[in-house]
Amino acid sequence: MKILVINGPNLNFLGIREKEIYGEESYESLLRMLEEKAERDGDTLECFQSNHEGAIIDRIQEAYSDGTEGIVINPGAYTHYSYAIHDALKSVSGIIKVEVHISDINTREEFRHVSVTAPACDAQIAGHGLAGYTEAMDLMKDLKSKKE
């Protein structure tokens, strides 16, 4: 399966920012974990991170024609207000999409309780730490097999 992992703003600062919420592991260790899983599972993986909303939208749109079969996305703070990312995700309806959050957004500040991007995705995983990403990759395969 060709999988695209998209990380939004500040996720490149994993292991640096708010360790009590996001943990000690660095962004590079997340990438290694995902690459190792993809290799074990025989998947093709691309990881993309941007602090810029437009770049995230551009990458989602590129996925439409580059053979991407699944998108794991952690939109970061854009989760709570980016209808533009929501619309981009909706526009690639043939691609399976799973939204991931390292922390449990439902137990944090009230503004984080609402995800405007989740309705454009097939599923959401929140509060499972970095393991949520690998869980999303597995879930994506289950969802794909159910669609076939």
Protein backbone atom coordinates (compact mmCIF):
# COMPACT_ATOMS: atom_id res chain seq x y z
CA MET A 1 0.00 0.00 0.00
CA LYS A 2 1.27 3.49 -0.80
CA ILE A 3 0.87 5.58 2.36
CA LEU A 4 1.41 9.29 2.86
CA VAL A 5 1.88 10.56 6.42
CA ILE A 6 1.23 14.29 6.76
CA ASN A 7 2.20 16.19 9.90
CA GLY A 8 1.15 19.76 10.46
CA PRO A 9 2.57 22.65 12.45
CA ASN A 10 4.98 22.12 15.31
CA LEU A 11 5.13 18.35 14.95
CA ASN A 12 8.71 18.72 13.78
CA PHE A 13 9.37 19.85 17.38
CA LEU A 14 8.44 16.50 18.95
CA GLY A 15 10.79 15.80 21.83
CA ILE A 16 11.35 19.54 22.25
CA ARG A 17 7.93 21.04 22.93
CA GLU A 18 5.61 20.20 25.82
CA LYS A 19 7.23 16.87 26.65
CA GLU A 20 4.62 16.23 29.34
CA ILE A 21 1.98 16.10 26.56
CA TYR A 22 3.86 14.85 23.49
CA GLY A 23 6.63 12.79 25.09
CA GLU A 24 10.40 12.64 24.83
CA GLU A 25 10.67 11.00 21.40
CA SER A 26 11.92 13.21 18.58
CA TYR A 27 10.32 13.74 15.19
CA GLU A 28 13.20 11.78 13.66
CA SER A 29 12.41 8.80 15.91
CA LEU A 30 8.78 8.95 14.75
CA LEU A 31 9.95 8.87 11.13
CA ARG A 32 12.24 5.89 11.84
CA MET A 33 9.39 4.03 13.55
CA LEU A 34 7.10 4.62 10.56
CA GLU A 35 9.76 3.65 8.00
CA GLU A 36 10.50 0.41 9.90
CA LYS A 37 6.80 -0.48 10.02
CA ALA A 38 6.33 0.26 6.32
CA GLU A 39 9.32 -1.90 5.48
CA ARG A 40 8.04 -4.80 7.64
CA ASP A 41 4.58 -4.55 6.07
CA GLY A 42 5.79 -4.11 2.50
CA ASP A 43 4.30 -0.63 2.18
CA THR A 44 5.64 2.39 0.33
CA LEU A 45 5.82 5.35 2.70
CA GLU A 46 6.30 9.07 2.30
CA CYS A 47 6.35 11.42 5.27
CA PHE A 48 5.64 15.11 4.83
CA GLN A 49 5.66 17.86 7.45
CA SER A 50 4.87 21.53 7.07
CA ASN A 51 4.06 24.45 9.31
CA HIS A 52 2.20 26.02 6.36
CA GLU A 53 -1.45 25.32 5.64
CA GLY A 54 -1.14 25.83 1.89
CA ALA A 55 1.75 23.37 1.61
CA ILE A 56 -0.34 20.74 3.40
CA ILE A 57 -3.24 21.36 1.03
CA ASP A 58 -0.93 21.16 -1.99
CA ARG A 59 0.44 17.80 -0.79
CA ILE A 60 -3.06 16.39 -0.22
CA GLN A 61 -4.03 17.43 -3.74
CA GLU A 62 -0.87 15.86 -5.20
CA ALA A 63 -1.87 12.59 -3.52
CA TYR A 64 -4.89 12.45 -5.83
CA SER A 65 -2.72 11.67 -8.85
CA ASP A 66 0.48 10.14 -7.44
CA GLY A 67 -0.90 6.72 -6.54
CA THR A 68 -1.36 7.36 -2.82
CA GLU A 69 -3.83 4.85 -1.38
CA GLY A 70 -3.94 6.11 2.21
CA ILE A 71 -3.22 9.28 4.14
CA VAL A 72 -2.41 9.38 7.83
CA ILE A 73 -2.75 13.01 8.87
CA ASN A 74 -2.02 14.88 12.06
CA PRO A 75 -3.08 18.42 11.14
CA GLY A 76 -1.82 19.80 14.46
CA ALA A 77 -3.63 22.99 15.45
CA TYR A 78 -5.19 23.18 11.97
CA THR A 79 -7.43 20.34 13.18
CA HIS A 80 -9.60 22.83 15.00
CA TYR A 81 -10.16 25.49 12.35
CA SER A 82 -8.88 24.61 8.88
CA TYR A 83 -11.88 24.14 6.67
CA ALA A 84 -9.42 24.46 3.77
CA ILE A 85 -7.65 21.25 4.86
CA HIS A 86 -11.07 19.65 5.47
CA ASP A 87 -12.08 20.51 1.89
CA ALA A 88 -8.79 19.20 0.48
CA LEU A 89 -9.27 15.90 2.34
CA LYS A 90 -12.86 15.65 1.10
CA SER A 91 -11.71 16.23 -2.47
CA VAL A 92 -9.57 13.07 -2.47
CA SER A 93 -12.49 10.80 -1.60
CA GLY A 94 -10.93 7.72 -3.24
CA ILE A 95 -8.05 7.77 -0.74
CA ILE A 96 -8.48 6.29 2.75
CA LYS A 97 -7.73 8.91 5.41
CA VAL A 98 -7.09 8.48 9.13
CA GLU A 99 -6.62 11.49 11.42
CA VAL A 100 -4.14 10.97 14.26
CA HIS A 101 -3.46 12.95 17.43
CA ILE A 102 -0.67 12.05 19.84
CA SER A 103 -2.54 13.47 22.83
CA ASP A 104 -6.19 12.95 23.70
CA ILE A 105 -7.63 16.14 22.25
CA ASN A 106 -10.94 15.46 24.02
CA THR A 107 -9.40 15.86 27.47
CA ARG A 108 -7.36 18.98 26.75
CA GLU A 109 -8.40 22.61 26.35
CA GLU A 110 -11.98 23.04 25.18
CA PHE A 111 -10.99 24.51 21.81
CA ARG A 112 -9.22 21.23 21.00
CA HIS A 113 -12.36 19.13 21.48
CA VAL A 114 -13.68 19.93 18.00
CA SER A 115 -11.97 18.62 14.90
CA VAL A 116 -13.17 20.21 11.68
CA THR A 117 -10.94 17.87 9.67
CA ALA A 118 -12.13 14.55 11.16
CA PRO A 119 -15.43 14.51 9.24
CA ALA A 120 -13.40 14.42 6.01
CA CYS A 121 -11.55 11.31 7.23
CA ASP A 122 -12.56 7.67 7.53
CA ALA A 123 -11.43 7.40 11.15
CA GLN A 124 -9.68 9.23 13.99
CA ILE A 125 -7.18 7.94 16.56
CA ALA A 126 -6.36 10.19 19.51
CA GLY A 127 -4.43 9.81 22.72
CA HIS A 128 -2.34 6.75 21.82
CA GLY A 129 0.96 8.59 21.61
CA LEU A 130 3.22 7.92 18.64
CA ALA A 131 1.76 4.39 18.42
CA GLY A 132 -1.38 6.02 17.04
CA TYR A 133 0.43 6.45 13.73
CA THR A 134 1.19 2.75 13.34
CA GLU A 135 -2.34 1.91 14.51
CA ALA A 136 -3.61 4.22 11.76
CA MET A 137 -1.53 2.38 9.16
CA ASP A 138 -3.06 -0.95 10.27
CA LEU A 139 -6.57 0.50 10.39
CA MET A 140 -6.11 1.90 6.89
CA LYS A 141 -5.43 -1.60 5.55
CA ASP A 142 -8.53 -2.95 7.30
CA LEU A 143 -10.64 -0.16 5.83
CA LYS A 144 -9.17 -0.78 2.37
CA SER A 145 -9.96 -4.51 2.51
CA LYS A 146 -13.57 -3.72 3.52
CA LYS A 147 -13.96 -1.41 0.52
CA GLU A 148 -12.69 -4.04 -1.94
